Amino acid sequence: MELLTITNKNGMSCTILPYGGIIQSIRFPVEGELVETVLNYADLEDYLSDNFYLGAIVGRYCNRIANGKFRIGESSYQLASNNEQNHLHGGVKGFSKQVWNIESTTTNSISLSYLSSDGEEGYPGNLDVKVSYRLDDKNSLAIDITAKVDKPCPVNLTGHTYFNLSNNSSTIEKNLLKVNAEKFLPIDGSCIPTGELKEVVNTPFDLIGFRELGSVIGSNDFRISSQQGIDHNYVLSQSAGEVSHAASVYCPESKIQLEVSTNMPGLQVYTGNHLSGPFKRYQGLCLEPQYFPDSPNQVEFPSSLLMPDEEYHHRIIYRFSQI
């Protein structure tokens, strides 16, 4: 449970655990004081029994794969069904429960690596993954995830940080959120996308402009009330592969704004609907850039299949400011 901390000239800091590649802390300076902007455990040992994927790198495939099954050509693969009948966030012991190797550290950057062996959690091929965290003097934390595999395999990695821009003093319900997406993915009763890309206009999922999260979470729309909040993937309005703005969240209490950019086609928005002790429901907001859930089984979705002659590259940028 070693702690690795990077800083910038403004006094902002980010602390990483090699266990799970976890972002344990992001502290942003506001009027001479450092404000904690992510949920974390006071006792590091609690990360070993964590069930919320708190701050971790999740994979090989983040989010859900229906019935834990997919095919590549003539070959069928069965993964663990660790979320009712579905596969979630890489399985029983996904990347969030692995000890990553420390490749390098500097004042403002950390690089970790992990080799996932052929057959781990049911996935084909040896997957060599690297993740780097870099904090610049513009208060941006850039996360670069790269991977290569020696057999074709779906690969979909993301960060699962729960943001709370108020030093964890309140829930996220008074926060304002906007998402650069005109469509979202409706889901079935087990949170698997139906395959439809639905317009957000005239639905409670419309976050094109800033909306207070409490008003969205409290919607009586069955698609939200059945999940006790948002746990849906948004179809980002950007060119494939280009790093561009995905979402912004603003906390009126702290006056902190977080902007998220990515080169992925989707953004899972999760309002902490199932958080529990030592946390409270809605105490953290996850903004998870990624390929669409269940894309190995839905040919109309952007393909997450990584071939041996290709390199997976996912970039996430979290930029903090005070408004």
C-alpha atoms as a PDB file:
ATOM      1  CA  MET A   1       0.000   0.000   0.000  1.00  0.00           C
ATOM      2  CA  GLU A   2       2.829   2.378  -0.919  1.00  0.00           C
ATOM      3  CA  LEU A   3       1.796   5.991  -1.489  1.00  0.00           C
ATOM      4  CA  LEU A   4       3.250   7.870  -4.464  1.00  0.00           C
ATOM      5  CA  THR A   5       2.586  11.608  -4.591  1.00  0.00           C
ATOM      6  CA  ILE A   6       3.117  14.088  -7.414  1.00  0.00           C
ATOM      7  CA  THR A   7       2.811  17.877  -7.166  1.00  0.00           C
ATOM      8  CA  ASN A   8       2.869  21.023  -9.276  1.00  0.00           C
ATOM      9  CA  LYS A   9       4.155  24.530  -8.614  1.00  0.00           C
ATOM     10  CA  ASN A  10       0.697  25.668  -7.455  1.00  0.00           C
ATOM     11  CA  GLY A  11       0.661  23.237  -4.535  1.00  0.00           C
ATOM     12  CA  MET A  12      -1.826  20.847  -6.121  1.00  0.00           C
ATOM     13  CA  SER A  13      -1.078  17.190  -5.425  1.00  0.00           C
ATOM     14  CA  CYS A  14      -2.169  13.740  -6.556  1.00  0.00           C
ATOM     15  CA  THR A  15      -1.469  10.532  -4.632  1.00  0.00           C
ATOM     16  CA  ILE A  16      -1.426   7.133  -6.349  1.00  0.00           C
ATOM     17  CA  LEU A  17      -1.419   3.599  -4.949  1.00  0.00           C
ATOM     18  CA  PRO A  18       0.349   0.934  -7.033  1.00  0.00           C
ATOM     19  CA  TYR A  19      -2.361  -1.395  -5.708  1.00  0.00           C
ATOM     20  CA  GLY A  20      -5.071  -1.061  -8.350  1.00  0.00           C
ATOM     21  CA  GLY A  21      -3.430   2.031  -9.853  1.00  0.00           C
ATOM     22  CA  ILE A  22      -5.734   3.841  -7.434  1.00  0.00           C
ATOM     23  CA  ILE A  23      -6.025   7.624  -7.326  1.00  0.00           C
ATOM     24  CA  GLN A  24      -6.143   7.940  -3.555  1.00  0.00           C
ATOM     25  CA  SER A  25      -6.150  11.737  -3.376  1.00  0.00           C
ATOM     26  CA  ILE A  26      -6.330  14.845  -5.553  1.00  0.00           C
ATOM     27  CA  ARG A  27      -5.903  17.974  -3.455  1.00  0.00           C
ATOM     28  CA  PHE A  28      -6.579  21.318  -5.121  1.00  0.00           C
ATOM     29  CA  PRO A  29      -5.558  24.672  -3.606  1.00  0.00           C
ATOM     30  CA  VAL A  30      -8.381  27.112  -2.899  1.00  0.00           C
ATOM     31  CA  GLU A  31      -7.588  30.387  -1.115  1.00  0.00           C
ATOM     32  CA  GLY A  32      -4.502  28.972   0.528  1.00  0.00           C
ATOM     33  CA  GLU A  33      -6.087  25.701   1.637  1.00  0.00           C
ATOM     34  CA  LEU A  34      -5.970  22.288  -0.035  1.00  0.00           C
ATOM     35  CA  VAL A  35      -9.381  20.840  -0.833  1.00  0.00           C
ATOM     36  CA  GLU A  36      -9.708  17.072  -1.252  1.00  0.00           C
ATOM     37  CA  THR A  37     -11.645  16.440  -4.476  1.00  0.00           C
ATOM     38  CA  VAL A  38     -12.023  12.625  -4.460  1.00  0.00           C
ATOM     39  CA  LEU A  39     -13.480  10.024  -2.117  1.00  0.00           C
ATOM     40  CA  ASN A  40     -10.921   7.926  -0.278  1.00  0.00           C
ATOM     41  CA  TYR A  41     -10.437   5.676   2.713  1.00  0.00           C
ATOM     42  CA  ALA A  42      -8.724   6.997   5.821  1.00  0.00           C
ATOM     43  CA  ASP A  43      -7.239   3.528   6.416  1.00  0.00           C
ATOM     44  CA  LEU A  44      -5.348   2.236   3.363  1.00  0.00           C
ATOM     45  CA  GLU A  45      -6.103  -1.357   4.351  1.00  0.00           C
ATOM     46  CA  ASP A  46      -9.754  -0.693   3.526  1.00  0.00           C
ATOM     47  CA  TYR A  47      -8.845  -0.636  -0.165  1.00  0.00           C
ATOM     48  CA  LEU A  48      -8.195  -4.380   0.050  1.00  0.00           C
ATOM     49  CA  SER A  49     -11.863  -5.076   0.830  1.00  0.00           C
ATOM     50  CA  ASP A  50     -13.306  -2.226  -1.253  1.00  0.00           C
ATOM     51  CA  ASN A  51     -16.289  -3.154  -3.463  1.00  0.00           C
ATOM     52  CA  PHE A  52     -16.790   0.269  -5.056  1.00  0.00           C
ATOM     53  CA  TYR A  53     -13.674   0.249  -7.319  1.00  0.00           C
ATOM     54  CA  LEU A  54     -12.773   3.438  -5.482  1.00  0.00           C
ATOM     55  CA  GLY A  55     -10.287   5.438  -7.592  1.00  0.00           C
ATOM     56  CA  ALA A  56      -8.989   2.345  -9.398  1.00  0.00           C
ATOM     57  CA  ILE A  57      -7.987   1.462 -12.936  1.00  0.00           C
ATOM     58  CA  VAL A  58     -10.603  -1.083 -14.031  1.00  0.00           C
ATOM     59  CA  GLY A  59     -10.272  -3.699 -16.789  1.00  0.00           C
ATOM     60  CA  ARG A  60      -9.520  -5.667 -18.889  1.00  0.00           C
ATOM     61  CA  TYR A  61     -13.022  -4.598 -19.749  1.00  0.00           C
ATOM     62  CA  CYS A  62     -14.625  -1.874 -17.660  1.00  0.00           C
ATOM     63  CA  ASN A  63     -18.398  -1.784 -17.293  1.00  0.00           C
ATOM     64  CA  ARG A  64     -20.522  -4.802 -18.282  1.00  0.00           C
ATOM     65  CA  ILE A  65     -20.426  -7.666 -20.758  1.00  0.00           C
ATOM     66  CA  ALA A  66     -23.757  -9.495 -21.059  1.00  0.00           C
ATOM     67  CA  ASN A  67     -23.713 -12.945 -19.452  1.00  0.00           C
ATOM     68  CA  GLY A  68     -19.905 -12.733 -19.331  1.00  0.00           C
ATOM     69  CA  LYS A  69     -19.713 -14.094 -22.871  1.00  0.00           C
ATOM     70  CA  PHE A  70     -18.337 -12.961 -26.215  1.00  0.00           C
ATOM     71  CA  ARG A  71     -17.023 -14.447 -29.447  1.00  0.00           C
ATOM     72  CA  ILE A  72     -14.010 -13.653 -31.594  1.00  0.00           C
ATOM     73  CA  GLY A  73     -14.351 -15.408 -34.933  1.00  0.00           C
ATOM     74  CA  GLU A  74     -15.114 -19.047 -34.234  1.00  0.00           C
ATOM     75  CA  SER A  75     -13.876 -18.925 -30.623  1.00  0.00           C
ATOM     76  CA  SER A  76     -16.188 -18.398 -27.633  1.00  0.00           C
ATOM     77  CA  TYR A  77     -15.035 -16.997 -24.289  1.00  0.00           C
ATOM     78  CA  GLN A  78     -16.680 -17.247 -20.873  1.00  0.00           C
ATOM     79  CA  LEU A  79     -15.753 -14.666 -18.262  1.00  0.00           C
ATOM     80  CA  ALA A  80     -16.745 -14.492 -14.616  1.00  0.00           C
ATOM     81  CA  SER A  81     -20.334 -13.438 -13.930  1.00  0.00           C
ATOM     82  CA  ASN A  82     -19.638 -11.178 -10.972  1.00  0.00           C
ATOM     83  CA  ASN A  83     -22.568  -8.763 -11.398  1.00  0.00           C
ATOM     84  CA  GLU A  84     -25.606 -11.030 -11.293  1.00  0.00           C
ATOM     85  CA  GLN A  85     -25.419 -12.822 -14.663  1.00  0.00           C
ATOM     86  CA  ASN A  86     -23.086 -10.236 -16.211  1.00  0.00           C
ATOM     87  CA  HIS A  87     -19.354  -9.558 -16.168  1.00  0.00           C
ATOM     88  CA  LEU A  88     -18.348  -6.262 -14.536  1.00  0.00           C
ATOM     89  CA  HIS A  89     -15.078  -4.283 -14.453  1.00  0.00           C
ATOM     90  CA  GLY A  90     -12.770  -7.165 -15.359  1.00  0.00           C
ATOM     91  CA  GLY A  91     -14.146  -9.897 -13.121  1.00  0.00           C
ATOM     92  CA  VAL A  92     -13.554 -11.261  -9.635  1.00  0.00           C
ATOM     93  CA  LYS A  93      -9.966 -10.007  -9.504  1.00  0.00           C
ATOM     94  CA  GLY A  94      -9.650  -7.427 -12.227  1.00  0.00           C
ATOM     95  CA  PHE A  95      -6.977  -4.780 -12.601  1.00  0.00           C
ATOM     96  CA  SER A  96      -8.412  -2.887  -9.620  1.00  0.00           C
ATOM     97  CA  LYS A  97      -7.259  -5.724  -7.333  1.00  0.00           C
ATOM     98  CA  GLN A  98      -3.771  -6.197  -8.795  1.00  0.00           C
ATOM     99  CA  VAL A  99      -0.441  -4.800  -7.619  1.00  0.00           C
ATOM    100  CA  TRP A 100       1.037  -2.762 -10.445  1.00  0.00           C
ATOM    101  CA  ASN A 101       4.781  -2.400 -11.001  1.00  0.00           C
ATOM    102  CA  ILE A 102       6.345   1.022 -10.469  1.00  0.00           C
ATOM    103  CA  GLU A 103       8.156   1.912 -13.697  1.00  0.00           C
ATOM    104  CA  SER A 104       9.234   5.472 -12.893  1.00  0.00           C
ATOM    105  CA  THR A 105       8.496   8.447 -10.657  1.00  0.00           C
ATOM    106  CA  THR A 106       9.359  12.138 -10.901  1.00  0.00           C
ATOM    107  CA  THR A 107       8.122  15.219  -9.073  1.00  0.00           C
ATOM    108  CA  ASN A 108       5.090  15.466 -11.338  1.00  0.00           C
ATOM    109  CA  SER A 109       4.695  12.033 -12.981  1.00  0.00           C
ATOM    110  CA  ILE A 110       4.255   8.350 -12.153  1.00  0.00           C
ATOM    111  CA  SER A 111       4.317   5.359 -14.513  1.00  0.00           C
ATOM    112  CA  LEU A 112       2.975   1.912 -13.609  1.00  0.00           C
ATOM    113  CA  SER A 113       2.747  -1.352 -15.534  1.00  0.00           C
ATOM    114  CA  TYR A 114       0.936  -4.660 -15.297  1.00  0.00           C
ATOM    115  CA  LEU A 115       1.156  -7.880 -17.313  1.00  0.00           C
ATOM    116  CA  SER A 116      -2.163  -9.698 -17.496  1.00  0.00           C
ATOM    117  CA  SER A 117      -1.485 -13.299 -18.452  1.00  0.00           C
ATOM    118  CA  ASP A 118      -3.299 -15.291 -21.122  1.00  0.00           C
ATOM    119  CA  GLY A 119      -6.520 -16.680 -19.639  1.00  0.00           C
ATOM    120  CA  GLU A 120      -6.641 -14.311 -16.646  1.00  0.00           C
ATOM    121  CA  GLU A 121     -10.326 -13.896 -15.735  1.00  0.00           C
ATOM    122  CA  GLY A 122     -11.110 -15.757 -18.974  1.00  0.00           C
ATOM    123  CA  TYR A 123      -9.624 -13.217 -21.390  1.00  0.00           C
ATOM    124  CA  PRO A 124      -7.440 -14.374 -24.305  1.00  0.00           C
ATOM    125  CA  GLY A 125      -3.827 -13.293 -24.777  1.00  0.00           C
ATOM    126  CA  ASN A 126      -1.081 -11.770 -22.704  1.00  0.00           C
ATOM    127  CA  LEU A 127      -1.895  -8.096 -22.233  1.00  0.00           C
ATOM    128  CA  ASP A 128       0.924  -5.691 -21.387  1.00  0.00           C
ATOM    129  CA  VAL A 129      -0.537  -2.516 -19.856  1.00  0.00           C
ATOM    130  CA  LYS A 130       1.100   0.752 -18.884  1.00  0.00           C
ATOM    131  CA  VAL A 131      -0.523   3.725 -17.183  1.00  0.00           C
ATOM    132  CA  SER A 132       1.061   7.107 -16.557  1.00  0.00           C
ATOM    133  CA  TYR A 133      -0.154  10.002 -14.415  1.00  0.00           C
ATOM    134  CA  ARG A 134       1.198  13.485 -15.109  1.00  0.00           C
ATOM    135  CA  LEU A 135       0.295  16.678 -13.240  1.00  0.00           C
ATOM    136  CA  ASP A 136       1.079  19.950 -15.028  1.00  0.00           C
ATOM    137  CA  ASP A 137       1.212  23.533 -13.832  1.00  0.00           C
ATOM    138  CA  LYS A 138      -2.170  24.313 -15.431  1.00  0.00           C
ATOM    139  CA  ASN A 139      -3.739  22.008 -12.813  1.00  0.00           C
ATOM    140  CA  SER A 140      -4.423  19.232 -15.310  1.00  0.00           C
ATOM    141  CA  LEU A 141      -3.930  15.584 -14.436  1.00  0.00           C
ATOM    142  CA  ALA A 142      -3.357  13.552 -17.608  1.00  0.00           C
ATOM    143  CA  ILE A 143      -3.755   9.775 -17.472  1.00  0.00           C
ATOM    144  CA  ASP A 144      -2.399   7.794 -20.421  1.00  0.00           C
ATOM    145  CA  ILE A 145      -3.231   4.094 -20.637  1.00  0.00           C
ATOM    146  CA  THR A 146      -1.522   2.016 -23.311  1.00  0.00           C
ATOM    147  CA  ALA A 147      -1.749  -1.713 -23.956  1.00  0.00           C
ATOM    148  CA  LYS A 148      -0.585  -4.414 -26.365  1.00  0.00           C
ATOM    149  CA  VAL A 149      -1.846  -7.985 -26.639  1.00  0.00           C
ATOM    150  CA  ASP A 150      -0.534 -11.101 -28.404  1.00  0.00           C
ATOM    151  CA  LYS A 151      -4.008 -12.493 -29.234  1.00  0.00           C
ATOM    152  CA  PRO A 152      -7.140 -10.604 -30.344  1.00  0.00           C
ATOM    153  CA  CYS A 153      -9.024  -9.434 -27.258  1.00  0.00           C
ATOM    154  CA  PRO A 154     -11.556  -6.725 -26.343  1.00  0.00           C
ATOM    155  CA  VAL A 155      -9.804  -4.091 -24.227  1.00  0.00           C
ATOM    156  CA  ASN A 156     -11.585  -1.282 -22.398  1.00  0.00           C
ATOM    157  CA  LEU A 157      -9.818   0.392 -19.476  1.00  0.00           C
ATOM    158  CA  THR A 158     -10.817   3.444 -17.476  1.00  0.00           C
ATOM    159  CA  GLY A 159     -10.388   5.251 -14.198  1.00  0.00           C
ATOM    160  CA  HIS A 160     -13.097   4.816 -11.563  1.00  0.00           C
ATOM    161  CA  THR A 161     -12.486   7.879  -9.405  1.00  0.00           C
ATOM    162  CA  TYR A 162     -15.384   9.234  -7.333  1.00  0.00           C
ATOM    163  CA  PHE A 163     -15.203  13.013  -7.413  1.00  0.00           C
ATOM    164  CA  ASN A 164     -16.468  15.176  -4.583  1.00  0.00           C
ATOM    165  CA  LEU A 165     -15.338  18.771  -5.036  1.00  0.00           C
ATOM    166  CA  SER A 166     -16.525  19.940  -1.599  1.00  0.00           C
ATOM    167  CA  ASN A 167     -13.813  18.273   0.503  1.00  0.00           C
ATOM    168  CA  ASN A 168     -16.321  15.434   1.036  1.00  0.00           C
ATOM    169  CA  SER A 169     -18.401  17.687   3.288  1.00  0.00           C
ATOM    170  CA  SER A 170     -21.620  17.088   1.350  1.00  0.00           C
ATOM    171  CA  THR A 171     -23.149  14.928  -1.371  1.00  0.00           C
ATOM    172  CA  ILE A 172     -22.948  15.759  -5.069  1.00  0.00           C
ATOM    173  CA  GLU A 173     -26.650  16.633  -5.318  1.00  0.00           C
ATOM    174  CA  LYS A 174     -26.009  20.413  -5.384  1.00  0.00           C
ATOM    175  CA  ASN A 175     -23.272  20.021  -8.019  1.00  0.00           C
ATOM    176  CA  LEU A 176     -23.920  21.126 -11.599  1.00  0.00           C
ATOM    177  CA  LEU A 177     -23.054  18.716 -14.424  1.00  0.00           C
ATOM    178  CA  LYS A 178     -22.977  19.009 -18.187  1.00  0.00           C
ATOM    179  CA  VAL A 179     -22.005  16.311 -20.684  1.00  0.00           C
ATOM    180  CA  ASN A 180     -20.998  16.876 -24.301  1.00  0.00           C
ATOM    181  CA  ALA A 181     -23.451  14.302 -25.655  1.00  0.00           C
ATOM    182  CA  GLU A 182     -26.671  14.437 -27.623  1.00  0.00           C
ATOM    183  CA  LYS A 183     -27.385  10.721 -27.168  1.00  0.00           C
ATOM    184  CA  PHE A 184     -27.224   8.120 -24.406  1.00  0.00           C
ATOM    185  CA  LEU A 185     -27.571   4.335 -24.225  1.00  0.00           C
ATOM    186  CA  PRO A 186     -30.830   3.008 -22.731  1.00  0.00           C
ATOM    187  CA  ILE A 187     -30.305  -0.146 -20.665  1.00  0.00           C
ATOM    188  CA  ASP A 188     -32.312  -3.232 -19.765  1.00  0.00           C
ATOM    189  CA  GLY A 189     -33.080  -4.508 -16.270  1.00  0.00           C
ATOM    190  CA  SER A 190     -29.541  -5.834 -15.810  1.00  0.00           C
ATOM    191  CA  CYS A 191     -27.852  -2.612 -17.000  1.00  0.00           C
ATOM    192  CA  ILE A 192     -26.937  -3.951 -20.450  1.00  0.00           C
ATOM    193  CA  PRO A 193     -27.454  -1.489 -23.335  1.00  0.00           C
ATOM    194  CA  THR A 194     -30.445  -2.299 -25.504  1.00  0.00           C
ATOM    195  CA  GLY A 195     -28.499  -1.272 -28.618  1.00  0.00           C
ATOM    196  CA  GLU A 196     -30.453   1.954 -29.130  1.00  0.00           C
ATOM    197  CA  LEU A 197     -28.713   5.333 -29.248  1.00  0.00           C
ATOM    198  CA  LYS A 198     -31.417   7.624 -27.889  1.00  0.00           C
ATOM    199  CA  GLU A 199     -31.550  11.415 -28.119  1.00  0.00           C
ATOM    200  CA  VAL A 200     -31.260  13.123 -24.726  1.00  0.00           C
ATOM    201  CA  VAL A 201     -33.584  15.977 -25.727  1.00  0.00           C
ATOM    202  CA  ASN A 202     -36.893  15.872 -23.843  1.00  0.00           C
ATOM    203  CA  THR A 203     -35.536  13.286 -21.389  1.00  0.00           C
ATOM    204  CA  PRO A 204     -34.082  13.707 -17.878  1.00  0.00           C
ATOM    205  CA  PHE A 205     -30.743  12.567 -19.365  1.00  0.00           C
ATOM    206  CA  ASP A 206     -30.344  15.920 -21.117  1.00  0.00           C
ATOM    207  CA  LEU A 207     -27.106  17.330 -19.695  1.00  0.00           C
ATOM    208  CA  ILE A 208     -26.106  19.414 -22.708  1.00  0.00           C
ATOM    209  CA  GLY A 209     -26.286  22.434 -20.417  1.00  0.00           C
ATOM    210  CA  PHE A 210     -25.419  22.521 -16.711  1.00  0.00           C
ATOM    211  CA  ARG A 211     -28.062  20.888 -14.518  1.00  0.00           C
ATOM    212  CA  GLU A 212     -28.157  20.372 -10.767  1.00  0.00           C
ATOM    213  CA  LEU A 213     -27.619  16.674 -10.127  1.00  0.00           C
ATOM    214  CA  GLY A 214     -30.235  16.467  -7.377  1.00  0.00           C
ATOM    215  CA  SER A 215     -32.970  17.364  -9.847  1.00  0.00           C
ATOM    216  CA  VAL A 216     -31.806  14.611 -12.206  1.00  0.00           C
ATOM    217  CA  ILE A 217     -31.360  11.963  -9.508  1.00  0.00           C
ATOM    218  CA  GLY A 218     -34.815  12.804  -8.152  1.00  0.00           C
ATOM    219  CA  SER A 219     -36.528  12.314 -11.494  1.00  0.00           C
ATOM    220  CA  ASN A 220     -39.545  10.012 -11.483  1.00  0.00           C
ATOM    221  CA  ASP A 221     -38.522   8.688 -14.905  1.00  0.00           C
ATOM    222  CA  PHE A 222     -38.344   4.907 -14.468  1.00  0.00           C
ATOM    223  CA  ARG A 223     -34.983   4.712 -16.243  1.00  0.00           C
ATOM    224  CA  ILE A 224     -33.478   6.795 -13.451  1.00  0.00           C
ATOM    225  CA  SER A 225     -35.620   5.785 -10.474  1.00  0.00           C
ATOM    226  CA  SER A 226     -34.957   2.080 -11.147  1.00  0.00           C
ATOM    227  CA  GLN A 227     -31.213   2.757 -10.806  1.00  0.00           C
ATOM    228  CA  GLN A 228     -31.719   5.250  -7.942  1.00  0.00           C
ATOM    229  CA  GLY A 229     -29.795   7.761 -10.041  1.00  0.00           C
ATOM    230  CA  ILE A 230     -27.729   7.856 -13.215  1.00  0.00           C
ATOM    231  CA  ASP A 231     -25.668   4.804 -14.204  1.00  0.00           C
ATOM    232  CA  HIS A 232     -25.711   5.216 -17.971  1.00  0.00           C
ATOM    233  CA  ASN A 233     -23.300   5.624 -20.862  1.00  0.00           C
ATOM    234  CA  TYR A 234     -23.369   8.792 -22.923  1.00  0.00           C
ATOM    235  CA  VAL A 235     -22.424   8.905 -26.623  1.00  0.00           C
ATOM    236  CA  LEU A 236     -19.885  11.716 -26.782  1.00  0.00           C
ATOM    237  CA  SER A 237     -20.177  14.336 -29.525  1.00  0.00           C
ATOM    238  CA  GLN A 238     -16.618  14.259 -30.835  1.00  0.00           C
ATOM    239  CA  SER A 239     -14.499  12.859 -33.634  1.00  0.00           C
ATOM    240  CA  ALA A 240     -13.324   9.291 -33.037  1.00  0.00           C
ATOM    241  CA  GLY A 241      -9.888   9.116 -31.462  1.00  0.00           C
ATOM    242  CA  GLU A 242      -9.506  12.846 -30.820  1.00  0.00           C
ATOM    243  CA  VAL A 243      -9.017  14.139 -27.286  1.00  0.00           C
ATOM    244  CA  SER A 244     -11.824  16.616 -26.637  1.00  0.00           C
ATOM    245  CA  HIS A 245     -14.122  17.887 -23.914  1.00  0.00           C
ATOM    246  CA  ALA A 246     -16.488  15.265 -22.489  1.00  0.00           C
ATOM    247  CA  ALA A 247     -17.988  16.751 -19.327  1.00  0.00           C
ATOM    248  CA  SER A 248     -17.761  19.486 -16.710  1.00  0.00           C
ATOM    249  CA  VAL A 249     -18.892  19.468 -13.089  1.00  0.00           C
ATOM    250  CA  TYR A 250     -19.104  22.554 -10.880  1.00  0.00           C
ATOM    251  CA  CYS A 251     -19.441  22.681  -7.105  1.00  0.00           C
ATOM    252  CA  PRO A 252     -21.092  25.926  -5.882  1.00  0.00           C
ATOM    253  CA  GLU A 253     -19.859  25.281  -2.335  1.00  0.00           C
ATOM    254  CA  SER A 254     -16.134  25.176  -3.128  1.00  0.00           C
ATOM    255  CA  LYS A 255     -16.292  27.110  -6.442  1.00  0.00           C
ATOM    256  CA  ILE A 256     -14.206  24.308  -7.999  1.00  0.00           C
ATOM    257  CA  GLN A 257     -14.857  23.210 -11.563  1.00  0.00           C
ATOM    258  CA  LEU A 258     -13.611  19.948 -13.060  1.00  0.00           C
ATOM    259  CA  GLU A 259     -13.398  19.467 -16.828  1.00  0.00           C
ATOM    260  CA  VAL A 260     -12.949  15.965 -18.262  1.00  0.00           C
ATOM    261  CA  SER A 261     -11.485  15.311 -21.715  1.00  0.00           C
ATOM    262  CA  THR A 262     -10.957  11.980 -23.477  1.00  0.00           C
ATOM    263  CA  ASN A 263     -10.379  10.252 -26.812  1.00  0.00           C
ATOM    264  CA  MET A 264     -12.965   7.544 -26.071  1.00  0.00           C
ATOM    265  CA  PRO A 265     -16.450   7.464 -27.702  1.00  0.00           C
ATOM    266  CA  GLY A 266     -18.429   7.031 -24.482  1.00  0.00           C
ATOM    267  CA  LEU A 267     -18.691   8.385 -20.947  1.00  0.00           C
ATOM    268  CA  GLN A 268     -20.292   6.392 -18.147  1.00  0.00           C
ATOM    269  CA  VAL A 269     -21.927   8.760 -15.669  1.00  0.00           C
ATOM    270  CA  TYR A 270     -22.495   7.193 -12.246  1.00  0.00           C
ATOM    271  CA  THR A 271     -23.889   9.253  -9.383  1.00  0.00           C
ATOM    272  CA  GLY A 272     -22.774   6.959  -6.556  1.00  0.00           C
ATOM    273  CA  ASN A 273     -26.224   5.373  -6.281  1.00  0.00           C
ATOM    274  CA  HIS A 274     -25.014   2.338  -4.326  1.00  0.00           C
ATOM    275  CA  LEU A 275     -22.337   3.861  -2.125  1.00  0.00           C
ATOM    276  CA  SER A 276     -22.612   2.835   1.510  1.00  0.00           C
ATOM    277  CA  GLY A 277     -20.544   2.838   4.728  1.00  0.00           C
ATOM    278  CA  PRO A 278     -18.211   4.539   5.333  1.00  0.00           C
ATOM    279  CA  PHE A 279     -19.644   6.683   2.534  1.00  0.00           C
ATOM    280  CA  LYS A 280     -23.115   8.014   1.834  1.00  0.00           C
ATOM    281  CA  ARG A 281     -25.261   7.493  -1.230  1.00  0.00           C
ATOM    282  CA  TYR A 282     -24.493  10.223  -3.801  1.00  0.00           C
ATOM    283  CA  GLN A 283     -21.302  11.246  -2.016  1.00  0.00           C
ATOM    284  CA  GLY A 284     -19.222  10.818  -5.186  1.00  0.00           C
ATOM    285  CA  LEU A 285     -19.609  11.242  -8.950  1.00  0.00           C
ATOM    286  CA  CYS A 286     -17.855   8.940 -11.430  1.00  0.00           C
ATOM    287  CA  LEU A 287     -17.155  10.200 -14.948  1.00  0.00           C
ATOM    288  CA  GLU A 288     -15.663   7.192 -16.724  1.00  0.00           C
ATOM    289  CA  PRO A 289     -14.494   7.584 -20.359  1.00  0.00           C
ATOM    290  CA  GLN A 290     -14.657   4.271 -22.217  1.00  0.00           C
ATOM    291  CA  TYR A 291     -15.905   2.185 -25.097  1.00  0.00           C
ATOM    292  CA  PHE A 292     -19.607   1.392 -24.855  1.00  0.00           C
ATOM    293  CA  PRO A 293     -20.713  -1.342 -22.412  1.00  0.00           C
ATOM    294  CA  ASP A 294     -21.156  -4.793 -23.994  1.00  0.00           C
ATOM    295  CA  SER A 295     -19.521  -3.681 -27.256  1.00  0.00           C
ATOM    296  CA  PRO A 296     -18.022  -7.177 -27.845  1.00  0.00           C
ATOM    297  CA  ASN A 297     -21.614  -8.398 -28.349  1.00  0.00           C
ATOM    298  CA  GLN A 298     -23.085  -5.368 -30.158  1.00  0.00           C
ATOM    299  CA  VAL A 299     -21.593  -4.992 -33.635  1.00  0.00           C
ATOM    300  CA  GLU A 300     -23.140  -1.564 -34.183  1.00  0.00           C
ATOM    301  CA  PHE A 301     -21.094  -0.107 -31.314  1.00  0.00           C
ATOM    302  CA  PRO A 302     -17.515   1.170 -31.835  1.00  0.00           C
ATOM    303  CA  SER A 303     -15.227  -1.863 -31.711  1.00  0.00           C
ATOM    304  CA  SER A 304     -13.107  -2.452 -28.598  1.00  0.00           C
ATOM    305  CA  LEU A 305     -11.272  -5.404 -30.169  1.00  0.00           C
ATOM    306  CA  LEU A 306      -7.495  -4.991 -29.893  1.00  0.00           C
ATOM    307  CA  MET A 307      -5.367  -6.884 -32.401  1.00  0.00           C
ATOM    308  CA  PRO A 308      -1.737  -7.990 -31.856  1.00  0.00           C
ATOM    309  CA  ASP A 309      -0.419  -5.465 -34.396  1.00  0.00           C
ATOM    310  CA  GLU A 310      -2.208  -2.539 -32.724  1.00  0.00           C
ATOM    311  CA  GLU A 311      -1.712  -0.438 -29.594  1.00  0.00           C
ATOM    312  CA  TYR A 312      -4.526   0.606 -27.306  1.00  0.00           C
ATOM    313  CA  HIS A 313      -4.157   4.226 -26.200  1.00  0.00           C
ATOM    314  CA  HIS A 314      -6.629   5.891 -23.892  1.00  0.00           C
ATOM    315  CA  ARG A 315      -6.055   9.441 -22.663  1.00  0.00           C
ATOM    316  CA  ILE A 316      -8.057  11.053 -19.855  1.00  0.00           C
ATOM    317  CA  ILE A 317      -7.463  14.626 -18.737  1.00  0.00           C
ATOM    318  CA  TYR A 318      -8.903  16.058 -15.520  1.00  0.00           C
ATOM    319  CA  ARG A 319      -8.504  19.849 -15.397  1.00  0.00           C
ATOM    320  CA  PHE A 320      -9.294  21.702 -12.178  1.00  0.00           C
ATOM    321  CA  SER A 321     -10.019  25.412 -11.778  1.00  0.00           C
ATOM    322  CA  GLN A 322     -11.718  27.800  -9.403  1.00  0.00           C
ATOM    323  CA  ILE A 323     -14.611  29.774 -10.865  1.00  0.00           C
END
